[in-house]
Amino acid sequence: MAGSSSTLHKDKLFKVLVIGDTDVGKSSIILRYASKRFDERYKSSIGVDFSLKTIEWDCNTVVRLQLWDIAGQEWFKKMSRVYYKGAMGALVVFDIRNSSTLEAASKWKQDLDSKVCLESGRPVPAVLVANKCDLTGNDSDVAGSLDGFCIDNSFTCWFKTSAKENVNIDEAFAVLVKQMMRCDVGLSNEEDDGGLVKLNLPREESKSRTPCC
């Protein structure tokens, strides 16, 4: 009709994996990001937990993130193919104080790449997270090696984070969301679910800004 205009509203639903060894802070990162809280008593996940985060990406686009908190026990990798199905991105978390968890992050990334990919066949975007930076005063040696580690293991980038102090949590997710948006092939929650589980979780609106980098 002349004189009227309509705007196409886009609603995106992305499945995001948060993986890494046990006790590196995966659950705390998700709790901080999705609920803006930190709980010292939060226990390690046994199995898989879920959270939902809603972001107003721009004036026409709402992005809903289905966050899968995957248990870090080694035996759990045997079932990871089932839980990875349909993922569009991942945060791979390690404890910046513990070099063995960084080595494990490489194995988690290899496991991820072997079991899920984009429709183009390329790996899903993955951000490396060096968590618990509030608990160490001298991590320059670890941090200095992470650029090369990311190149060698095909990570998008890396962030030092603290779930307790809320350091770089939003920033790490913002970069991941931006990469997933670039890789998106037009699927929404009204189309092929791609292995997503319908969660009966309360919707949490976010005031997150569109990432600038």
N, C-alpha and C. Protein backbone atom coordinates (compact mmCIF):
# COMPACT_ATOMS: atom_id res chain seq x y z
N MET A 1 0.85 -1.19 0.00
CA MET A 1 0.00 0.00 0.00
C MET A 1 0.88 1.24 0.00
N ALA A 2 0.53 2.23 -0.81
CA ALA A 2 1.31 3.44 -0.89
C ALA A 2 1.32 4.15 0.44
N GLY A 3 2.48 4.68 0.82
CA GLY A 3 2.60 5.44 2.05
C GLY A 3 2.86 4.59 3.27
N SER A 4 2.89 3.25 3.13
CA SER A 4 3.17 2.39 4.27
C SER A 4 4.47 1.66 4.04
N SER A 5 5.11 1.26 5.10
CA SER A 5 6.36 0.52 5.00
C SER A 5 6.37 -0.56 6.06
N SER A 6 7.08 -1.60 5.79
CA SER A 6 7.20 -2.70 6.74
C SER A 6 8.66 -3.11 6.82
N THR A 7 9.05 -3.56 7.97
CA THR A 7 10.42 -4.00 8.20
C THR A 7 10.42 -5.48 8.54
N LEU A 8 11.28 -6.23 7.86
CA LEU A 8 11.39 -7.66 8.12
C LEU A 8 12.15 -7.86 9.42
N HIS A 9 11.50 -8.47 10.37
CA HIS A 9 12.13 -8.75 11.66
C HIS A 9 12.78 -10.12 11.61
N LYS A 10 14.05 -10.18 11.95
CA LYS A 10 14.78 -11.43 11.92
C LYS A 10 15.04 -11.92 13.33
N ASP A 11 14.79 -13.21 13.52
CA ASP A 11 14.97 -13.84 14.83
C ASP A 11 15.91 -15.02 14.64
N LYS A 12 17.12 -14.91 15.14
CA LYS A 12 18.14 -15.94 14.96
C LYS A 12 18.29 -16.76 16.23
N LEU A 13 18.44 -18.06 16.05
CA LEU A 13 18.68 -18.96 17.17
C LEU A 13 19.97 -19.73 16.90
N PHE A 14 20.97 -19.55 17.75
CA PHE A 14 22.26 -20.21 17.59
C PHE A 14 22.55 -21.11 18.78
N LYS A 15 23.00 -22.30 18.48
CA LYS A 15 23.47 -23.21 19.51
C LYS A 15 24.96 -22.97 19.73
N VAL A 16 25.34 -22.69 20.97
CA VAL A 16 26.72 -22.39 21.32
C VAL A 16 27.21 -23.40 22.36
N LEU A 17 28.34 -24.02 22.09
CA LEU A 17 28.95 -24.95 23.03
C LEU A 17 29.95 -24.23 23.90
N VAL A 18 29.98 -24.56 25.17
CA VAL A 18 31.02 -24.08 26.08
C VAL A 18 31.73 -25.32 26.61
N ILE A 19 32.96 -25.54 26.14
CA ILE A 19 33.66 -26.80 26.40
C ILE A 19 35.05 -26.54 26.97
N GLY A 20 35.63 -27.58 27.53
CA GLY A 20 36.93 -27.50 28.18
C GLY A 20 36.96 -28.46 29.35
N ASP A 21 38.15 -28.60 29.96
CA ASP A 21 38.29 -29.53 31.08
C ASP A 21 37.42 -29.12 32.27
N THR A 22 37.25 -30.05 33.18
CA THR A 22 36.47 -29.78 34.38
C THR A 22 37.18 -28.75 35.25
N ASP A 23 36.39 -27.95 35.96
CA ASP A 23 36.88 -26.97 36.93
C ASP A 23 37.64 -25.80 36.30
N VAL A 24 37.43 -25.53 35.03
CA VAL A 24 38.06 -24.35 34.42
C VAL A 24 37.14 -23.13 34.47
N GLY A 25 35.89 -23.34 34.89
CA GLY A 25 34.98 -22.21 35.07
C GLY A 25 33.93 -22.04 34.00
N LYS A 26 33.64 -23.09 33.26
CA LYS A 26 32.65 -22.99 32.17
C LYS A 26 31.28 -22.58 32.69
N SER A 27 30.82 -23.25 33.73
CA SER A 27 29.49 -22.95 34.27
C SER A 27 29.42 -21.53 34.81
N SER A 28 30.51 -21.09 35.45
CA SER A 28 30.53 -19.73 36.00
C SER A 28 30.51 -18.68 34.90
N ILE A 29 31.18 -18.97 33.79
CA ILE A 29 31.17 -18.05 32.65
C ILE A 29 29.75 -17.91 32.10
N ILE A 30 29.07 -19.03 31.94
CA ILE A 30 27.70 -18.99 31.43
C ILE A 30 26.78 -18.27 32.41
N LEU A 31 26.93 -18.55 33.70
CA LEU A 31 26.10 -17.90 34.71
C LEU A 31 26.32 -16.39 34.68
N ARG A 32 27.56 -15.97 34.57
CA ARG A 32 27.87 -14.55 34.51
C ARG A 32 27.27 -13.90 33.26
N TYR A 33 27.41 -14.58 32.12
CA TYR A 33 26.94 -14.02 30.86
C TYR A 33 25.41 -13.99 30.77
N ALA A 34 24.79 -15.09 31.13
CA ALA A 34 23.34 -15.21 30.96
C ALA A 34 22.55 -14.55 32.07
N SER A 35 23.09 -14.58 33.29
CA SER A 35 22.32 -14.09 34.44
C SER A 35 22.98 -12.95 35.18
N LYS A 36 24.17 -12.53 34.73
CA LYS A 36 24.89 -11.42 35.37
C LYS A 36 25.18 -11.71 36.84
N ARG A 37 25.50 -12.98 37.15
CA ARG A 37 25.77 -13.36 38.53
C ARG A 37 27.05 -14.19 38.60
N PHE A 38 27.59 -14.28 39.82
CA PHE A 38 28.67 -15.21 40.11
C PHE A 38 28.38 -15.85 41.44
N ASP A 39 28.58 -17.17 41.50
CA ASP A 39 28.28 -17.92 42.71
C ASP A 39 29.48 -18.79 43.06
N GLU A 40 30.13 -18.50 44.18
CA GLU A 40 31.29 -19.28 44.62
C GLU A 40 30.94 -20.75 44.83
N ARG A 41 29.69 -21.02 45.10
CA ARG A 41 29.26 -22.40 45.43
C ARG A 41 28.87 -23.19 44.19
N TYR A 42 28.96 -22.57 43.02
CA TYR A 42 28.55 -23.24 41.79
C TYR A 42 29.41 -24.47 41.56
N LYS A 43 28.77 -25.62 41.37
CA LYS A 43 29.49 -26.89 41.25
C LYS A 43 29.72 -27.24 39.79
N SER A 44 30.71 -28.09 39.58
CA SER A 44 31.02 -28.55 38.23
C SER A 44 29.84 -29.31 37.64
N SER A 45 29.65 -29.13 36.33
CA SER A 45 28.54 -29.80 35.66
C SER A 45 28.80 -31.29 35.54
N ILE A 46 27.76 -32.05 35.68
CA ILE A 46 27.82 -33.49 35.42
C ILE A 46 26.78 -33.75 34.35
N GLY A 47 27.25 -33.91 33.12
CA GLY A 47 26.33 -34.06 31.99
C GLY A 47 26.30 -32.76 31.19
N VAL A 48 25.10 -32.29 30.91
CA VAL A 48 24.93 -31.08 30.10
C VAL A 48 23.89 -30.17 30.77
N ASP A 49 24.23 -28.89 30.90
CA ASP A 49 23.29 -27.89 31.38
C ASP A 49 23.00 -26.91 30.25
N PHE A 50 21.89 -26.19 30.37
CA PHE A 50 21.47 -25.28 29.31
C PHE A 50 21.11 -23.91 29.89
N SER A 51 21.41 -22.89 29.13
CA SER A 51 20.97 -21.54 29.46
C SER A 51 20.58 -20.84 28.17
N LEU A 52 19.80 -19.78 28.29
CA LEU A 52 19.37 -19.03 27.12
C LEU A 52 19.71 -17.56 27.32
N LYS A 53 20.29 -16.96 26.30
CA LYS A 53 20.64 -15.54 26.32
C LYS A 53 20.03 -14.88 25.09
N THR A 54 19.36 -13.76 25.29
CA THR A 54 18.74 -13.04 24.18
C THR A 54 19.44 -11.70 24.00
N ILE A 55 19.80 -11.39 22.76
CA ILE A 55 20.52 -10.17 22.44
C ILE A 55 19.76 -9.39 21.37
N GLU A 56 19.59 -8.13 21.58
CA GLU A 56 19.06 -7.25 20.53
C GLU A 56 20.24 -6.84 19.66
N TRP A 57 20.44 -7.58 18.57
CA TRP A 57 21.62 -7.40 17.74
C TRP A 57 21.61 -6.05 17.03
N ASP A 58 20.48 -5.75 16.41
CA ASP A 58 20.26 -4.43 15.85
C ASP A 58 18.75 -4.16 15.89
N CYS A 59 18.31 -3.07 15.27
CA CYS A 59 16.90 -2.70 15.39
C CYS A 59 15.97 -3.71 14.72
N ASN A 60 16.50 -4.57 13.86
CA ASN A 60 15.66 -5.54 13.14
C ASN A 60 15.97 -6.99 13.48
N THR A 61 16.97 -7.22 14.32
CA THR A 61 17.43 -8.59 14.54
C THR A 61 17.57 -8.91 16.02
N VAL A 62 16.95 -10.00 16.43
CA VAL A 62 17.12 -10.54 17.77
C VAL A 62 17.87 -11.86 17.66
N VAL A 63 18.92 -11.99 18.44
CA VAL A 63 19.72 -13.22 18.44
C VAL A 63 19.50 -13.94 19.77
N ARG A 64 19.11 -15.20 19.67
CA ARG A 64 18.93 -16.02 20.86
C ARG A 64 20.02 -17.08 20.87
N LEU A 65 20.75 -17.12 21.95
CA LEU A 65 21.84 -18.07 22.10
C LEU A 65 21.42 -19.18 23.05
N GLN A 66 21.51 -20.40 22.56
CA GLN A 66 21.26 -21.57 23.39
C GLN A 66 22.62 -22.07 23.84
N LEU A 67 22.96 -21.86 25.10
CA LEU A 67 24.29 -22.12 25.64
C LEU A 67 24.33 -23.52 26.24
N TRP A 68 25.16 -24.37 25.69
CA TRP A 68 25.30 -25.74 26.15
C TRP A 68 26.57 -25.86 26.99
N ASP A 69 26.38 -26.13 28.25
CA ASP A 69 27.48 -26.29 29.21
C ASP A 69 27.82 -27.78 29.26
N ILE A 70 28.89 -28.15 28.54
CA ILE A 70 29.26 -29.56 28.40
C ILE A 70 30.23 -29.97 29.50
N ALA A 71 29.93 -31.05 30.21
CA ALA A 71 30.80 -31.53 31.29
C ALA A 71 32.21 -31.79 30.76
N GLY A 72 33.22 -31.54 31.60
CA GLY A 72 34.60 -31.61 31.16
C GLY A 72 35.29 -32.93 31.40
N GLN A 73 34.60 -33.90 31.98
CA GLN A 73 35.24 -35.18 32.24
C GLN A 73 35.64 -35.87 30.93
N GLU A 74 36.79 -36.51 30.92
CA GLU A 74 37.31 -37.13 29.71
C GLU A 74 36.34 -38.15 29.12
N TRP A 75 35.71 -38.93 29.98
CA TRP A 75 34.80 -39.96 29.48
C TRP A 75 33.60 -39.37 28.75
N PHE A 76 33.32 -38.08 29.02
CA PHE A 76 32.14 -37.47 28.42
C PHE A 76 32.33 -37.20 26.94
N LYS A 77 33.59 -37.16 26.49
CA LYS A 77 33.86 -36.91 25.08
C LYS A 77 33.30 -38.03 24.20
N LYS A 78 33.12 -39.20 24.77
CA LYS A 78 32.59 -40.32 23.99
C LYS A 78 31.17 -40.03 23.49
N MET A 79 30.47 -39.15 24.19
CA MET A 79 29.10 -38.82 23.80
C MET A 79 29.01 -37.44 23.16
N SER A 80 30.15 -36.81 22.92
CA SER A 80 30.12 -35.42 22.49
C SER A 80 29.49 -35.21 21.12
N ARG A 81 29.55 -36.20 20.24
CA ARG A 81 28.97 -36.03 18.92
C ARG A 81 27.48 -35.70 19.01
N VAL A 82 26.80 -36.34 19.94
CA VAL A 82 25.37 -36.10 20.12
C VAL A 82 25.11 -34.67 20.56
N TYR A 83 25.93 -34.19 21.49
CA TYR A 83 25.70 -32.86 22.05
C TYR A 83 26.22 -31.74 21.15
N TYR A 84 27.17 -32.04 20.30
CA TYR A 84 27.72 -31.04 19.39
C TYR A 84 26.80 -30.77 18.20
N LYS A 85 25.92 -31.70 17.88
CA LYS A 85 25.11 -31.60 16.67
C LYS A 85 24.36 -30.27 16.60
N GLY A 86 24.49 -29.60 15.47
CA GLY A 86 23.77 -28.37 15.24
C GLY A 86 24.42 -27.12 15.79
N ALA A 87 25.60 -27.26 16.42
CA ALA A 87 26.26 -26.09 17.00
C ALA A 87 26.74 -25.15 15.91
N MET A 88 26.66 -23.86 16.19
CA MET A 88 27.14 -22.83 15.26
C MET A 88 28.37 -22.10 15.77
N GLY A 89 28.78 -22.38 17.01
CA GLY A 89 29.96 -21.74 17.56
C GLY A 89 30.31 -22.35 18.90
N ALA A 90 31.51 -22.02 19.40
CA ALA A 90 31.96 -22.59 20.66
C ALA A 90 32.92 -21.66 21.39
N LEU A 91 32.84 -21.70 22.71
CA LEU A 91 33.87 -21.16 23.58
C LEU A 91 34.63 -22.35 24.15
N VAL A 92 35.95 -22.34 23.97
CA VAL A 92 36.79 -23.39 24.55
C VAL A 92 37.55 -22.75 25.71
N VAL A 93 37.34 -23.26 26.90
CA VAL A 93 37.80 -22.61 28.12
C VAL A 93 38.94 -23.39 28.75
N PHE A 94 39.95 -22.64 29.24
CA PHE A 94 40.98 -23.27 30.07
C PHE A 94 41.30 -22.36 31.25
N ASP A 95 41.95 -22.92 32.26
CA ASP A 95 42.36 -22.20 33.45
C ASP A 95 43.74 -21.62 33.20
N ILE A 96 43.85 -20.30 33.20
CA ILE A 96 45.11 -19.65 32.84
C ILE A 96 46.25 -20.03 33.80
N ARG A 97 45.92 -20.55 34.98
CA ARG A 97 46.94 -20.95 35.95
C ARG A 97 47.45 -22.37 35.71
N ASN A 98 46.77 -23.11 34.85
CA ASN A 98 47.05 -24.54 34.71
C ASN A 98 47.34 -24.87 33.26
N SER A 99 48.62 -25.09 32.92
CA SER A 99 49.01 -25.32 31.54
C SER A 99 48.42 -26.61 30.97
N SER A 100 48.12 -27.57 31.83
CA SER A 100 47.56 -28.83 31.33
C SER A 100 46.16 -28.61 30.75
N THR A 101 45.43 -27.61 31.27
CA THR A 101 44.10 -27.34 30.72
C THR A 101 44.19 -26.61 29.38
N LEU A 102 45.31 -25.92 29.15
CA LEU A 102 45.53 -25.33 27.83
C LEU A 102 45.82 -26.43 26.81
N GLU A 103 46.64 -27.40 27.19
CA GLU A 103 46.89 -28.54 26.32
C GLU A 103 45.58 -29.27 26.02
N ALA A 104 44.75 -29.39 27.04
CA ALA A 104 43.45 -30.06 26.85
C ALA A 104 42.56 -29.25 25.92
N ALA A 105 42.69 -27.93 25.94
CA ALA A 105 41.87 -27.08 25.05
C ALA A 105 42.13 -27.42 23.60
N SER A 106 43.38 -27.74 23.27
CA SER A 106 43.71 -28.15 21.91
C SER A 106 42.97 -29.43 21.54
N LYS A 107 42.91 -30.37 22.49
CA LYS A 107 42.22 -31.63 22.23
C LYS A 107 40.70 -31.42 22.10
N TRP A 108 40.16 -30.54 22.93
CA TRP A 108 38.73 -30.23 22.82
C TRP A 108 38.42 -29.60 21.47
N LYS A 109 39.31 -28.73 21.01
CA LYS A 109 39.11 -28.10 19.70
C LYS A 109 39.18 -29.14 18.58
N GLN A 110 40.12 -30.07 18.66
CA GLN A 110 40.22 -31.12 17.66
C GLN A 110 38.97 -31.98 17.67
N ASP A 111 38.48 -32.29 18.87
CA ASP A 111 37.27 -33.09 18.99
C ASP A 111 36.08 -32.35 18.38
N LEU A 112 36.00 -31.05 18.65
CA LEU A 112 34.94 -30.22 18.08
C LEU A 112 34.99 -30.25 16.55
N ASP A 113 36.16 -30.00 15.98
CA ASP A 113 36.30 -29.92 14.53
C ASP A 113 36.02 -31.25 13.85
N SER A 114 36.25 -32.35 14.55
CA SER A 114 36.03 -33.67 13.96
C SER A 114 34.57 -34.10 13.97
N LYS A 115 33.74 -33.39 14.75
CA LYS A 115 32.37 -33.85 14.96
C LYS A 115 31.29 -32.87 14.53
N VAL A 116 31.66 -31.64 14.23
CA VAL A 116 30.66 -30.67 13.78
C VAL A 116 31.33 -29.66 12.87
N CYS A 117 30.60 -29.20 11.86
CA CYS A 117 31.12 -28.19 10.96
C CYS A 117 29.95 -27.39 10.39
N LEU A 118 30.27 -26.30 9.72
CA LEU A 118 29.25 -25.50 9.05
C LEU A 118 28.79 -26.21 7.79
N GLU A 119 27.70 -25.73 7.21
CA GLU A 119 27.20 -26.35 5.98
C GLU A 119 28.23 -26.26 4.86
N SER A 120 29.11 -25.28 4.93
CA SER A 120 30.16 -25.13 3.93
C SER A 120 31.28 -26.15 4.11
N GLY A 121 31.27 -26.85 5.24
CA GLY A 121 32.33 -27.80 5.54
C GLY A 121 33.44 -27.20 6.39
N ARG A 122 33.41 -25.89 6.62
CA ARG A 122 34.42 -25.24 7.42
C ARG A 122 34.12 -25.43 8.91
N PRO A 123 35.15 -25.34 9.76
CA PRO A 123 34.92 -25.46 11.22
C PRO A 123 34.01 -24.35 11.72
N VAL A 124 33.27 -24.64 12.78
CA VAL A 124 32.46 -23.61 13.39
C VAL A 124 33.38 -22.62 14.10
N PRO A 125 33.00 -21.34 14.19
CA PRO A 125 33.84 -20.37 14.90
C PRO A 125 34.04 -20.79 16.35
N ALA A 126 35.26 -20.61 16.83
CA ALA A 126 35.58 -20.97 18.21
C ALA A 126 36.51 -19.92 18.81
N VAL A 127 36.18 -19.46 20.00
CA VAL A 127 36.97 -18.48 20.73
C VAL A 127 37.62 -19.18 21.92
N LEU A 128 38.91 -18.95 22.10
CA LEU A 128 39.65 -19.51 23.23
C LEU A 128 39.55 -18.57 24.42
N VAL A 129 39.22 -19.12 25.58
CA VAL A 129 39.01 -18.32 26.78
C VAL A 129 39.99 -18.75 27.87
N ALA A 130 40.87 -17.82 28.26
CA ALA A 130 41.82 -18.05 29.35
C ALA A 130 41.20 -17.53 30.63
N ASN A 131 40.52 -18.40 31.34
CA ASN A 131 39.70 -17.97 32.48
C ASN A 131 40.49 -17.92 33.79
N LYS A 132 39.91 -17.26 34.78
CA LYS A 132 40.44 -17.10 36.13
C LYS A 132 41.66 -16.18 36.16
N CYS A 133 41.65 -15.15 35.32
CA CYS A 133 42.78 -14.23 35.28
C CYS A 133 42.88 -13.40 36.55
N ASP A 134 41.80 -13.38 37.35
CA ASP A 134 41.84 -12.63 38.61
C ASP A 134 42.66 -13.34 39.69
N LEU A 135 43.00 -14.61 39.45
CA LEU A 135 43.69 -15.40 40.47
C LEU A 135 45.19 -15.53 40.23
N THR A 136 45.68 -14.84 39.25
CA THR A 136 47.11 -14.92 38.96
C THR A 136 47.67 -13.53 38.73
N GLY A 137 48.87 -13.31 39.23
CA GLY A 137 49.48 -12.00 39.07
C GLY A 137 50.48 -11.94 37.95
N ASN A 138 50.96 -13.09 37.48
CA ASN A 138 51.98 -13.10 36.43
C ASN A 138 51.66 -14.19 35.43
N ASP A 139 50.92 -13.82 34.40
CA ASP A 139 50.54 -14.79 33.37
C ASP A 139 51.08 -14.39 32.01
N SER A 140 52.15 -13.56 32.00
CA SER A 140 52.68 -13.05 30.74
C SER A 140 53.21 -14.15 29.84
N ASP A 141 53.82 -15.17 30.45
CA ASP A 141 54.36 -16.26 29.64
C ASP A 141 53.24 -17.02 28.92
N VAL A 142 52.15 -17.29 29.65
CA VAL A 142 51.02 -17.99 29.04
C VAL A 142 50.38 -17.12 27.98
N ALA A 143 50.12 -15.87 28.33
CA ALA A 143 49.44 -14.97 27.40
C ALA A 143 50.26 -14.75 26.14
N GLY A 144 51.57 -14.67 26.29
CA GLY A 144 52.43 -14.43 25.14
C GLY A 144 52.41 -15.54 24.13
N SER A 145 52.06 -16.74 24.55
CA SER A 145 52.06 -17.88 23.64
C SER A 145 50.71 -18.14 22.99
N LEU A 146 49.69 -17.40 23.42
CA LEU A 146 48.34 -17.73 22.97
C LEU A 146 48.04 -17.31 21.54
N ASP A 147 48.71 -16.27 21.05
CA ASP A 147 48.50 -15.88 19.66
C ASP A 147 48.87 -17.03 18.73
N GLY A 148 50.04 -17.60 18.95
CA GLY A 148 50.48 -18.74 18.14
C GLY A 148 49.62 -19.96 18.34
N PHE A 149 49.19 -20.18 19.59
CA PHE A 149 48.32 -21.31 19.89
C PHE A 149 47.02 -21.20 19.11
N CYS A 150 46.46 -20.00 19.02
CA CYS A 150 45.21 -19.79 18.29
C CYS A 150 45.39 -20.05 16.80
N ILE A 151 46.52 -19.61 16.25
CA ILE A 151 46.79 -19.87 14.84
C ILE A 151 46.94 -21.36 14.58
N ASP A 152 47.70 -22.02 15.44
CA ASP A 152 47.96 -23.46 15.25
C ASP A 152 46.69 -24.29 15.36
N ASN A 153 45.74 -23.83 16.19
CA ASN A 153 44.53 -24.61 16.45
C ASN A 153 43.27 -24.00 15.84
N SER A 154 43.45 -23.00 15.00
CA SER A 154 42.34 -22.40 14.23
C SER A 154 41.25 -21.80 15.12
N PHE A 155 41.67 -21.12 16.17
CA PHE A 155 40.73 -20.34 16.96
C PHE A 155 40.55 -18.97 16.33
N THR A 156 39.36 -18.40 16.47
CA THR A 156 39.10 -17.06 15.96
C THR A 156 39.97 -16.04 16.67
N CYS A 157 40.05 -16.13 18.00
CA CYS A 157 40.85 -15.23 18.81
C CYS A 157 40.83 -15.76 20.23
N TRP A 158 41.46 -15.04 21.16
CA TRP A 158 41.44 -15.45 22.56
C TRP A 158 41.22 -14.25 23.47
N PHE A 159 40.69 -14.54 24.68
CA PHE A 159 40.46 -13.51 25.68
C PHE A 159 40.90 -14.03 27.05
N LYS A 160 41.53 -13.17 27.84
CA LYS A 160 41.68 -13.42 29.26
C LYS A 160 40.38 -13.02 29.93
N THR A 161 39.83 -13.90 30.76
CA THR A 161 38.54 -13.63 31.38
C THR A 161 38.56 -13.94 32.87
N SER A 162 37.61 -13.36 33.54
CA SER A 162 37.31 -13.72 34.92
C SER A 162 35.80 -13.69 35.09
N ALA A 163 35.22 -14.85 35.36
CA ALA A 163 33.78 -14.88 35.63
C ALA A 163 33.47 -14.18 36.94
N LYS A 164 34.37 -14.29 37.91
CA LYS A 164 34.14 -13.68 39.22
C LYS A 164 34.14 -12.15 39.11
N GLU A 165 35.12 -11.60 38.41
CA GLU A 165 35.25 -10.15 38.31
C GLU A 165 34.58 -9.58 37.06
N ASN A 166 33.96 -10.44 36.28
CA ASN A 166 33.28 -10.03 35.05
C ASN A 166 34.24 -9.33 34.07
N VAL A 167 35.34 -9.98 33.81
CA VAL A 167 36.36 -9.45 32.89
C VAL A 167 36.23 -10.14 31.54
N ASN A 168 35.90 -9.39 30.51
CA ASN A 168 35.90 -9.85 29.11
C ASN A 168 34.91 -10.97 28.81
N ILE A 169 33.95 -11.22 29.67
CA ILE A 169 32.95 -12.26 29.39
C ILE A 169 32.05 -11.82 28.23
N ASP A 170 31.47 -10.65 28.34
CA ASP A 170 30.61 -10.14 27.27
C ASP A 170 31.39 -9.97 25.98
N GLU A 171 32.64 -9.52 26.09
CA GLU A 171 33.46 -9.28 24.90
C GLU A 171 33.75 -10.56 24.15
N ALA A 172 34.06 -11.63 24.86
CA ALA A 172 34.34 -12.92 24.20
C ALA A 172 33.11 -13.43 23.46
N PHE A 173 31.95 -13.36 24.11
CA PHE A 173 30.72 -13.81 23.45
C PHE A 173 30.36 -12.90 22.29
N ALA A 174 30.62 -11.60 22.42
CA ALA A 174 30.27 -10.67 21.35
C ALA A 174 31.03 -11.00 20.07
N VAL A 175 32.31 -11.31 20.19
CA VAL A 175 33.10 -11.68 19.02
C VAL A 175 32.58 -12.98 18.42
N LEU A 176 32.24 -13.95 19.27
CA LEU A 176 31.73 -15.22 18.77
C LEU A 176 30.41 -15.02 18.04
N VAL A 177 29.51 -14.21 18.61
CA VAL A 177 28.23 -13.96 17.95
C VAL A 177 28.44 -13.30 16.60
N LYS A 178 29.35 -12.35 16.54
CA LYS A 178 29.63 -11.68 15.27
C LYS A 178 30.10 -12.68 14.22
N GLN A 179 30.96 -13.60 14.62
CA GLN A 179 31.44 -14.61 13.68
C GLN A 179 30.32 -15.55 13.25
N MET A 180 29.45 -15.92 14.16
CA MET A 180 28.32 -16.80 13.82
C MET A 180 27.36 -16.09 12.87
N MET A 181 27.15 -14.82 13.08
CA MET A 181 26.28 -14.06 12.18
C MET A 181 26.86 -14.04 10.77
N ARG A 182 28.17 -13.92 10.66
CA ARG A 182 28.82 -13.93 9.35
C ARG A 182 28.67 -15.29 8.67
N CYS A 183 28.68 -16.35 9.48
CA CYS A 183 28.60 -17.71 8.93
C CYS A 183 27.18 -18.18 8.70
N ASP A 184 26.23 -17.45 9.24
CA ASP A 184 24.84 -17.88 9.18
C ASP A 184 24.36 -18.02 7.73
N VAL A 185 23.62 -19.08 7.49
CA VAL A 185 23.12 -19.34 6.13
C VAL A 185 21.62 -19.13 6.03
N GLY A 186 21.07 -18.43 7.00
CA GLY A 186 19.65 -18.08 6.92
C GLY A 186 18.73 -18.94 7.74
N LEU A 187 19.28 -19.88 8.53
CA LEU A 187 18.40 -20.69 9.37
C LEU A 187 17.91 -19.85 10.54
N SER A 188 16.68 -20.05 10.95
CA SER A 188 16.15 -19.39 12.15
C SER A 188 15.40 -20.43 12.96
N ASN A 189 14.88 -20.01 14.08
CA ASN A 189 14.16 -20.96 14.92
C ASN A 189 12.82 -21.36 14.32
N GLU A 190 12.46 -20.81 13.16
CA GLU A 190 11.24 -21.21 12.48
C GLU A 190 11.54 -22.18 11.34
N GLU A 191 12.86 -22.46 11.14
CA GLU A 191 13.25 -23.36 10.08
C GLU A 191 13.86 -24.60 10.70
N ASP A 192 14.81 -25.22 9.99
CA ASP A 192 15.44 -26.44 10.46
C ASP A 192 16.14 -26.19 11.78
N ASP A 193 15.83 -26.98 12.81
CA ASP A 193 16.39 -26.79 14.13
C ASP A 193 17.85 -27.20 14.20
N GLY A 194 18.32 -28.02 13.28
CA GLY A 194 19.72 -28.39 13.25
C GLY A 194 20.20 -29.06 14.52
N GLY A 195 19.33 -29.82 15.19
CA GLY A 195 19.76 -30.52 16.38
C GLY A 195 19.54 -29.74 17.66
N LEU A 196 18.91 -28.57 17.59
CA LEU A 196 18.66 -27.79 18.79
C LEU A 196 17.58 -28.43 19.64
N VAL A 197 17.73 -28.32 20.92
CA VAL A 197 16.72 -28.79 21.84
C VAL A 197 15.85 -27.61 22.23
N LYS A 198 14.54 -27.77 22.18
CA LYS A 198 13.64 -26.72 22.60
C LYS A 198 13.67 -26.62 24.12
N LEU A 199 14.11 -25.49 24.62
CA LEU A 199 14.26 -25.32 26.05
C LEU A 199 13.12 -24.50 26.61
N ASN A 200 12.61 -24.91 27.74
CA ASN A 200 11.57 -24.16 28.43
C ASN A 200 12.22 -23.30 29.49
N LEU A 201 12.96 -22.26 29.00
CA LEU A 201 13.69 -21.39 29.90
C LEU A 201 13.13 -19.99 29.81
N PRO A 202 13.20 -19.23 30.90
CA PRO A 202 12.73 -17.84 30.85
C PRO A 202 13.61 -17.03 29.92
N ARG A 203 13.00 -16.14 29.17
CA ARG A 203 13.73 -15.29 28.25
C ARG A 203 14.37 -14.15 29.01
N GLU A 204 15.69 -14.00 28.79
CA GLU A 204 16.40 -12.91 29.45
C GLU A 204 16.85 -11.92 28.40
N GLU A 205 16.29 -10.73 28.43
CA GLU A 205 16.63 -9.73 27.44
C GLU A 205 18.01 -9.16 27.75
N SER A 206 18.75 -8.87 26.72
CA SER A 206 20.10 -8.35 26.88
C SER A 206 20.20 -6.96 26.29
N LYS A 207 21.01 -6.12 26.90
CA LYS A 207 21.29 -4.81 26.38
C LYS A 207 22.66 -4.77 25.72
N SER A 208 23.18 -5.95 25.38
CA SER A 208 24.49 -6.03 24.76
C SER A 208 24.51 -5.24 23.47
N ARG A 209 25.61 -4.57 23.25
CA ARG A 209 25.77 -3.81 22.02
C ARG A 209 26.34 -4.69 20.93
N THR A 210 26.10 -4.31 19.68
CA THR A 210 26.71 -5.00 18.57
C THR A 210 28.21 -4.86 18.67
N PRO A 211 28.97 -5.97 18.61
CA PRO A 211 30.42 -5.87 18.73
C PRO A 211 31.01 -5.03 17.62
N CYS A 212 32.03 -4.26 17.94
CA CYS A 212 32.60 -3.33 16.97
C CYS A 212 33.82 -3.89 16.28
N CYS A 213 34.27 -5.08 16.69
CA CYS A 213 35.49 -5.60 16.08
C CYS A 213 35.21 -6.83 15.25
